[in-house]
């Protein structure tokens, strides 16, 4: 399964946030989908989007929930240096 999260370039994030999000999202997704551990990619693009290749509708829905939970809990895992 390949998971790609794109963040709109117009979204202002602190330095290191994209890498930190990628690491935290990978950690959380790999608990339920061990085969996806090295297949989570987060990058800037023209718009916000979640793409799940190689999974069913239920998988995309669950990964979307994990993404939302991760984003909402950024105060717990993202530390600026």
PDB file of N, CA and C in Angstrom:
ATOM      1  N   UNK A   1       0.838  -1.168   0.000  1.00  0.00           N
ATOM      2  CA  UNK A   1       0.000   0.000   0.000  1.00  0.00           C
ATOM      3  C   UNK A   1       0.891   1.243   0.000  1.00  0.00           C
ATOM      4  N   UNK A   2       0.533   2.210  -0.822  1.00  0.00           N
ATOM      5  CA  UNK A   2       1.268   3.479  -0.895  1.00  0.00           C
ATOM      6  C   UNK A   2       0.324   4.588  -0.442  1.00  0.00           C
ATOM      7  N   UNK A   3       0.813   5.432   0.456  1.00  0.00           N
ATOM      8  CA  UNK A   3       0.009   6.517   1.009  1.00  0.00           C
ATOM      9  C   UNK A   3       0.734   7.823   0.735  1.00  0.00           C
ATOM     10  N   UNK A   4       0.029   8.756   0.103  1.00  0.00           N
ATOM     11  CA  UNK A   4       0.627  10.057  -0.181  1.00  0.00           C
ATOM     12  C   UNK A   4      -0.299  11.152   0.335  1.00  0.00           C
ATOM     13  N   UNK A   5       0.285  12.030   1.130  1.00  0.00           N
ATOM     14  CA  UNK A   5      -0.428  13.186   1.655  1.00  0.00           C
ATOM     15  C   UNK A   5       0.208  14.411   1.028  1.00  0.00           C
ATOM     16  N   UNK A   6      -0.617  15.240   0.390  1.00  0.00           N
ATOM     17  CA  UNK A   6      -0.092  16.483  -0.151  1.00  0.00           C
ATOM     18  C   UNK A   6      -0.693  17.633   0.645  1.00  0.00           C
ATOM     19  N   UNK A   7       0.143  18.635   0.888  1.00  0.00           N
ATOM     20  CA  UNK A   7      -0.255  19.815   1.641  1.00  0.00           C
ATOM     21  C   UNK A   7      -0.147  21.007   0.701  1.00  0.00           C
ATOM     22  N   UNK A   8      -1.173  21.829   0.674  1.00  0.00           N
ATOM     23  CA  UNK A   8      -1.181  22.997  -0.204  1.00  0.00           C
ATOM     24  C   UNK A   8       0.000  23.905   0.109  1.00  0.00           C
ATOM     25  N   UNK A   9       0.655  24.360  -0.941  1.00  0.00           N
ATOM     26  CA  UNK A   9       1.813  25.254  -0.776  1.00  0.00           C
ATOM     27  C   UNK A   9       1.448  26.527  -0.030  1.00  0.00           C
ATOM     28  N   UNK A  10       0.187  26.909  -0.085  1.00  0.00           N
ATOM     29  CA  UNK A  10      -0.253  28.131   0.591  1.00  0.00           C
ATOM     30  C   UNK A  10      -0.383  27.946   2.103  1.00  0.00           C
ATOM     31  N   UNK A  11      -0.297  26.718   2.578  1.00  0.00           N
ATOM     32  CA  UNK A  11      -0.369  26.436   4.007  1.00  0.00           C
ATOM     33  C   UNK A  11       0.966  26.782   4.653  1.00  0.00           C
ATOM     34  N   UNK A  12       0.914  27.646   5.643  1.00  0.00           N
ATOM     35  CA  UNK A  12       2.135  28.045   6.332  1.00  0.00           C
ATOM     36  C   UNK A  12       2.384  27.087   7.496  1.00  0.00           C
ATOM     37  N   UNK A  13       3.502  26.375   7.419  1.00  0.00           N
ATOM     38  CA  UNK A  13       3.885  25.442   8.479  1.00  0.00           C
ATOM     39  C   UNK A  13       5.269  25.821   8.989  1.00  0.00           C
ATOM     40  N   UNK A  14       5.552  25.532  10.243  1.00  0.00           N
ATOM     41  CA  UNK A  14       6.886  25.818  10.774  1.00  0.00           C
ATOM     42  C   UNK A  14       7.937  24.940  10.105  1.00  0.00           C
ATOM     43  N   UNK A  15       9.191  25.373  10.129  1.00  0.00           N
ATOM     44  CA  UNK A  15      10.267  24.549   9.556  1.00  0.00           C
ATOM     45  C   UNK A  15      10.292  23.155  10.202  1.00  0.00           C
ATOM     46  N   UNK A  16      10.443  22.148   9.373  1.00  0.00           N
ATOM     47  CA  UNK A  16      10.524  20.770   9.855  1.00  0.00           C
ATOM     48  C   UNK A  16       9.184  20.088  10.052  1.00  0.00           C
ATOM     49  N   UNK A  17       8.090  20.815   9.850  1.00  0.00           N
ATOM     50  CA  UNK A  17       6.772  20.244  10.108  1.00  0.00           C
ATOM     51  C   UNK A  17       6.411  19.120   9.142  1.00  0.00           C
ATOM     52  N   UNK A  18       6.774  19.256   7.871  1.00  0.00           N
ATOM     53  CA  UNK A  18       6.428  18.222   6.888  1.00  0.00           C
ATOM     54  C   UNK A  18       7.156  16.920   7.217  1.00  0.00           C
ATOM     55  N   UNK A  19       8.434  17.008   7.541  1.00  0.00           N
ATOM     56  CA  UNK A  19       9.189  15.801   7.908  1.00  0.00           C
ATOM     57  C   UNK A  19       8.655  15.185   9.197  1.00  0.00           C
ATOM     58  N   UNK A  20       8.344  16.029  10.172  1.00  0.00           N
ATOM     59  CA  UNK A  20       7.810  15.528  11.438  1.00  0.00           C
ATOM     60  C   UNK A  20       6.459  14.855  11.227  1.00  0.00           C
ATOM     61  N   UNK A  21       5.610  15.452  10.388  1.00  0.00           N
ATOM     62  CA  UNK A  21       4.309  14.853  10.085  1.00  0.00           C
ATOM     63  C   UNK A  21       4.490  13.507   9.400  1.00  0.00           C
ATOM     64  N   UNK A  22       5.414  13.440   8.469  1.00  0.00           N
ATOM     65  CA  UNK A  22       5.680  12.182   7.771  1.00  0.00           C
ATOM     66  C   UNK A  22       6.105  11.091   8.743  1.00  0.00           C
ATOM     67  N   UNK A  23       7.001  11.418   9.652  1.00  0.00           N
ATOM     68  CA  UNK A  23       7.480  10.434  10.628  1.00  0.00           C
ATOM     69  C   UNK A  23       6.370   9.985  11.573  1.00  0.00           C
ATOM     70  N   UNK A  24       5.591  10.935  12.077  1.00  0.00           N
ATOM     71  CA  UNK A  24       4.521  10.586  13.019  1.00  0.00           C
ATOM     72  C   UNK A  24       3.418   9.804  12.327  1.00  0.00           C
ATOM     73  N   UNK A  25       3.066  10.201  11.126  1.00  0.00           N
ATOM     74  CA  UNK A  25       2.033   9.497  10.375  1.00  0.00           C
ATOM     75  C   UNK A  25       2.489   8.078  10.049  1.00  0.00           C
ATOM     76  N   UNK A  26       3.735   7.915   9.650  1.00  0.00           N
ATOM     77  CA  UNK A  26       4.285   6.588   9.377  1.00  0.00           C
ATOM     78  C   UNK A  26       4.214   5.715  10.617  1.00  0.00           C
ATOM     79  N   UNK A  27       4.579   6.278  11.757  1.00  0.00           N
ATOM     80  CA  UNK A  27       4.546   5.526  13.022  1.00  0.00           C
ATOM     81  C   UNK A  27       3.129   5.067  13.339  1.00  0.00           C
ATOM     82  N   UNK A  28       2.178   5.960  13.215  1.00  0.00           N
ATOM     83  CA  UNK A  28       0.791   5.617  13.560  1.00  0.00           C
ATOM     84  C   UNK A  28       0.167   4.636  12.569  1.00  0.00           C
ATOM     85  N   UNK A  29       0.425   4.824  11.291  1.00  0.00           N
ATOM     86  CA  UNK A  29      -0.159   3.939  10.281  1.00  0.00           C
ATOM     87  C   UNK A  29       0.456   2.548  10.359  1.00  0.00           C
ATOM     88  N   UNK A  30       1.758   2.476  10.646  1.00  0.00           N
ATOM     89  CA  UNK A  30       2.426   1.164  10.676  1.00  0.00           C
ATOM     90  C   UNK A  30       1.917   0.269  11.809  1.00  0.00           C
ATOM     91  N   UNK A  31       1.268   0.843  12.811  1.00  0.00           N
ATOM     92  CA  UNK A  31       0.666   0.014  13.869  1.00  0.00           C
ATOM     93  C   UNK A  31      -0.466  -0.837  13.312  1.00  0.00           C
ATOM     94  N   UNK A  32      -1.235  -0.290  12.382  1.00  0.00           N
ATOM     95  CA  UNK A  32      -2.366  -1.027  11.815  1.00  0.00           C
ATOM     96  C   UNK A  32      -2.067  -1.625  10.444  1.00  0.00           C
ATOM     97  N   UNK A  33      -1.086  -1.028   9.738  1.00  0.00           N
ATOM     98  CA  UNK A  33      -0.730  -1.486   8.399  1.00  0.00           C
ATOM     99  C   UNK A  33       0.785  -1.638   8.322  1.00  0.00           C
ATOM    100  N   UNK A  34       1.338  -2.720   8.865  1.00  0.00           N
ATOM    101  CA  UNK A  34       2.802  -2.882   8.887  1.00  0.00           C
ATOM    102  C   UNK A  34       3.444  -2.861   7.502  1.00  0.00           C
ATOM    103  N   UNK A  35       2.733  -3.276   6.482  1.00  0.00           N
ATOM    104  CA  UNK A  35       3.291  -3.286   5.125  1.00  0.00           C
ATOM    105  C   UNK A  35       3.417  -1.880   4.533  1.00  0.00           C
ATOM    106  N   UNK A  36       2.832  -0.884   5.166  1.00  0.00           N
ATOM    107  CA  UNK A  36       2.870   0.492   4.646  1.00  0.00           C
ATOM    108  C   UNK A  36       3.973   1.325   5.292  1.00  0.00           C
ATOM    109  N   UNK A  37       4.776   0.725   6.143  1.00  0.00           N
ATOM    110  CA  UNK A  37       5.756   1.472   6.933  1.00  0.00           C
ATOM    111  C   UNK A  37       6.665   2.369   6.100  1.00  0.00           C
ATOM    112  N   UNK A  38       7.176   1.882   4.994  1.00  0.00           N
ATOM    113  CA  UNK A  38       8.092   2.681   4.172  1.00  0.00           C
ATOM    114  C   UNK A  38       7.410   3.284   2.951  1.00  0.00           C
ATOM    115  N   UNK A  39       6.092   3.341   2.983  1.00  0.00           N
ATOM    116  CA  UNK A  39       5.353   3.811   1.819  1.00  0.00           C
ATOM    117  C   UNK A  39       4.443   4.992   2.134  1.00  0.00           C
ATOM    118  N   UNK A  40       4.805   5.780   3.141  1.00  0.00           N
ATOM    119  CA  UNK A  40       4.053   6.978   3.493  1.00  0.00           C
ATOM    120  C   UNK A  40       4.881   8.190   3.062  1.00  0.00           C
ATOM    121  N   UNK A  41       4.277   9.045   2.228  1.00  0.00           N
ATOM    122  CA  UNK A  41       4.982  10.221   1.721  1.00  0.00           C
ATOM    123  C   UNK A  41       4.136  11.461   1.978  1.00  0.00           C
ATOM    124  N   UNK A  42       4.788  12.497   2.496  1.00  0.00           N
ATOM    125  CA  UNK A  42       4.127  13.777   2.737  1.00  0.00           C
ATOM    126  C   UNK A  42       4.928  14.834   1.990  1.00  0.00           C
ATOM    127  N   UNK A  43       4.231  15.671   1.220  1.00  0.00           N
ATOM    128  CA  UNK A  43       4.928  16.695   0.447  1.00  0.00           C
ATOM    129  C   UNK A  43       3.999  17.865   0.172  1.00  0.00           C
ATOM    130  N   UNK A  44       4.611  18.981  -0.242  1.00  0.00           N
ATOM    131  CA  UNK A  44       3.835  20.141  -0.678  1.00  0.00           C
ATOM    132  C   UNK A  44       3.373  19.930  -2.110  1.00  0.00           C
ATOM    133  N   UNK A  45       2.183  20.459  -2.427  1.00  0.00           N
ATOM    134  CA  UNK A  45       1.630  20.391  -3.782  1.00  0.00           C
ATOM    135  C   UNK A  45       0.648  21.545  -3.948  1.00  0.00           C
ATOM    136  N   UNK A  46      -0.125  21.499  -4.992  1.00  0.00           N
ATOM    137  CA  UNK A  46      -1.078  22.561  -5.268  1.00  0.00           C
ATOM    138  C   UNK A  46      -2.268  22.594  -4.327  1.00  0.00           C
ATOM    139  N   UNK A  47      -2.614  21.432  -3.745  1.00  0.00           N
ATOM    140  CA  UNK A  47      -3.777  21.373  -2.859  1.00  0.00           C
ATOM    141  C   UNK A  47      -3.598  20.254  -1.835  1.00  0.00           C
ATOM    142  N   UNK A  48      -4.462  20.266  -0.831  1.00  0.00           N
ATOM    143  CA  UNK A  48      -4.457  19.200   0.172  1.00  0.00           C
ATOM    144  C   UNK A  48      -5.122  17.967  -0.423  1.00  0.00           C
ATOM    145  N   UNK A  49      -4.506  16.805  -0.200  1.00  0.00           N
ATOM    146  CA  UNK A  49      -5.073  15.580  -0.743  1.00  0.00           C
ATOM    147  C   UNK A  49      -4.498  14.375  -0.014  1.00  0.00           C
ATOM    148  N   UNK A  50      -5.290  13.318   0.027  1.00  0.00           N
ATOM    149  CA  UNK A  50      -4.848  12.033   0.548  1.00  0.00           C
ATOM    150  C   UNK A  50      -5.072  11.009  -0.540  1.00  0.00           C
ATOM    151  N   UNK A  51      -4.014  10.288  -0.888  1.00  0.00           N
ATOM    152  CA  UNK A  51      -4.103   9.250  -1.903  1.00  0.00           C
ATOM    153  C   UNK A  51      -3.630   7.935  -1.287  1.00  0.00           C
ATOM    154  N   UNK A  52      -4.473   6.904  -1.394  1.00  0.00           N
ATOM    155  CA  UNK A  52      -4.123   5.571  -0.895  1.00  0.00           C
ATOM    156  C   UNK A  52      -4.212   4.615  -2.075  1.00  0.00           C
ATOM    157  N   UNK A  53      -3.060   4.100  -2.493  1.00  0.00           N
ATOM    158  CA  UNK A  53      -2.998   3.171  -3.614  1.00  0.00           C
ATOM    159  C   UNK A  53      -2.761   1.767  -3.071  1.00  0.00           C
ATOM    160  N   UNK A  54      -3.545   0.825  -3.531  1.00  0.00           N
ATOM    161  CA  UNK A  54      -3.364  -0.556  -3.108  1.00  0.00           C
ATOM    162  C   UNK A  54      -4.179  -0.924  -1.883  1.00  0.00           C
ATOM    163  N   UNK A  55      -5.133  -0.088  -1.528  1.00  0.00           N
ATOM    164  CA  UNK A  55      -5.999  -0.363  -0.389  1.00  0.00           C
ATOM    165  C   UNK A  55      -7.452  -0.165  -0.796  1.00  0.00           C
ATOM    166  N   UNK A  56      -8.337  -0.687   0.020  1.00  0.00           N
ATOM    167  CA  UNK A  56      -9.763  -0.552  -0.253  1.00  0.00           C
ATOM    168  C   UNK A  56     -10.330   0.735   0.308  1.00  0.00           C
ATOM    169  N   UNK A  57     -11.636   0.921   0.131  1.00  0.00           N
ATOM    170  CA  UNK A  57     -12.309   2.115   0.648  1.00  0.00           C
ATOM    171  C   UNK A  57     -12.209   2.187   2.169  1.00  0.00           C
ATOM    172  N   UNK A  58     -12.300   1.035   2.829  1.00  0.00           N
ATOM    173  CA  UNK A  58     -12.201   1.005   4.288  1.00  0.00           C
ATOM    174  C   UNK A  58     -10.817   1.438   4.741  1.00  0.00           C
ATOM    175  N   UNK A  59      -9.792   1.016   3.988  1.00  0.00           N
ATOM    176  CA  UNK A  59      -8.417   1.402   4.321  1.00  0.00           C
ATOM    177  C   UNK A  59      -8.234   2.906   4.192  1.00  0.00           C
ATOM    178  N   UNK A  60      -8.747   3.477   3.106  1.00  0.00           N
ATOM    179  CA  UNK A  60      -8.599   4.923   2.910  1.00  0.00           C
ATOM    180  C   UNK A  60      -9.342   5.686   4.001  1.00  0.00           C
ATOM    181  N   UNK A  61     -10.513   5.213   4.371  1.00  0.00           N
ATOM    182  CA  UNK A  61     -11.281   5.875   5.430  1.00  0.00           C
ATOM    183  C   UNK A  61     -10.521   5.826   6.751  1.00  0.00           C
ATOM    184  N   UNK A  62      -9.948   4.678   7.076  1.00  0.00           N
ATOM    185  CA  UNK A  62      -9.207   4.556   8.339  1.00  0.00           C
ATOM    186  C   UNK A  62      -7.943   5.403   8.314  1.00  0.00           C
ATOM    187  N   UNK A  63      -7.237   5.414   7.201  1.00  0.00           N
ATOM    188  CA  UNK A  63      -6.019   6.230   7.089  1.00  0.00           C
ATOM    189  C   UNK A  63      -6.372   7.712   7.161  1.00  0.00           C
ATOM    190  N   UNK A  64      -7.503   8.096   6.603  1.00  0.00           N
ATOM    191  CA  UNK A  64      -7.964   9.470   6.709  1.00  0.00           C
ATOM    192  C   UNK A  64      -8.219   9.840   8.171  1.00  0.00           C
ATOM    193  N   UNK A  65      -8.808   8.929   8.929  1.00  0.00           N
ATOM    194  CA  UNK A  65      -9.023   9.154  10.360  1.00  0.00           C
ATOM    195  C   UNK A  65      -7.700   9.306  11.103  1.00  0.00           C
ATOM    196  N   UNK A  66      -6.745   8.446  10.780  1.00  0.00           N
ATOM    197  CA  UNK A  66      -5.429   8.511  11.419  1.00  0.00           C
ATOM    198  C   UNK A  66      -4.755   9.837  11.088  1.00  0.00           C
ATOM    199  N   UNK A  67      -4.855  10.273   9.838  1.00  0.00           N
ATOM    200  CA  UNK A  67      -4.277  11.550   9.430  1.00  0.00           C
ATOM    201  C   UNK A  67      -4.906  12.696  10.215  1.00  0.00           C
ATOM    202  N   UNK A  68      -6.216  12.690  10.337  1.00  0.00           N
ATOM    203  CA  UNK A  68      -6.901  13.751  11.071  1.00  0.00           C
ATOM    204  C   UNK A  68      -6.488  13.742  12.548  1.00  0.00           C
ATOM    205  N   UNK A  69      -6.438  12.569  13.161  1.00  0.00           N
ATOM    206  CA  UNK A  69      -6.017  12.459  14.555  1.00  0.00           C
ATOM    207  C   UNK A  69      -4.581  12.962  14.735  1.00  0.00           C
ATOM    208  N   UNK A  70      -3.727  12.617  13.790  1.00  0.00           N
ATOM    209  CA  UNK A  70      -2.321  13.035  13.847  1.00  0.00           C
ATOM    210  C   UNK A  70      -2.216  14.548  13.736  1.00  0.00           C
ATOM    211  N   UNK A  71      -2.918  15.115  12.781  1.00  0.00           N
ATOM    212  CA  UNK A  71      -2.890  16.560  12.554  1.00  0.00           C
ATOM    213  C   UNK A  71      -3.399  17.304  13.793  1.00  0.00           C
ATOM    214  N   UNK A  72      -4.503  16.810  14.361  1.00  0.00           N
ATOM    215  CA  UNK A  72      -5.111  17.473  15.516  1.00  0.00           C
ATOM    216  C   UNK A  72      -4.281  17.356  16.781  1.00  0.00           C
ATOM    217  N   UNK A  73      -3.417  16.370  16.851  1.00  0.00           N
ATOM    218  CA  UNK A  73      -2.599  16.175  18.048  1.00  0.00           C
ATOM    219  C   UNK A  73      -1.167  16.670  17.863  1.00  0.00           C
ATOM    220  N   UNK A  74      -0.947  17.557  16.906  1.00  0.00           N
ATOM    221  CA  UNK A  74       0.406  18.040  16.605  1.00  0.00           C
ATOM    222  C   UNK A  74       1.099  18.647  17.818  1.00  0.00           C
ATOM    223  N   UNK A  75       0.346  19.240  18.730  1.00  0.00           N
ATOM    224  CA  UNK A  75       0.955  19.812  19.935  1.00  0.00           C
ATOM    225  C   UNK A  75       1.645  18.744  20.780  1.00  0.00           C
ATOM    226  N   UNK A  76       1.210  17.499  20.649  1.00  0.00           N
ATOM    227  CA  UNK A  76       1.795  16.400  21.432  1.00  0.00           C
ATOM    228  C   UNK A  76       3.081  15.843  20.830  1.00  0.00           C
ATOM    229  N   UNK A  77       3.241  15.892  19.512  1.00  0.00           N
ATOM    230  CA  UNK A  77       4.390  15.227  18.884  1.00  0.00           C
ATOM    231  C   UNK A  77       5.318  16.152  18.105  1.00  0.00           C
ATOM    232  N   UNK A  78       4.865  17.380  17.778  1.00  0.00           N
ATOM    233  CA  UNK A  78       5.737  18.275  17.014  1.00  0.00           C
ATOM    234  C   UNK A  78       6.407  19.283  17.937  1.00  0.00           C
ATOM    235  N   UNK A  79       7.724  19.231  17.953  1.00  0.00           N
ATOM    236  CA  UNK A  79       8.509  20.150  18.783  1.00  0.00           C
ATOM    237  C   UNK A  79       9.458  20.898  17.876  1.00  0.00           C
ATOM    238  N   UNK A  80       9.345  22.208  17.844  1.00  0.00           N
ATOM    239  CA  UNK A  80      10.264  23.026  17.061  1.00  0.00           C
ATOM    240  C   UNK A  80      11.559  23.169  17.826  1.00  0.00           C
ATOM    241  N   UNK A  81      12.637  23.154  17.076  1.00  0.00           N
ATOM    242  CA  UNK A  81      13.936  23.355  17.722  1.00  0.00           C
ATOM    243  C   UNK A  81      14.429  24.757  17.527  1.00  0.00           C
TER     244      UNK A  81
END
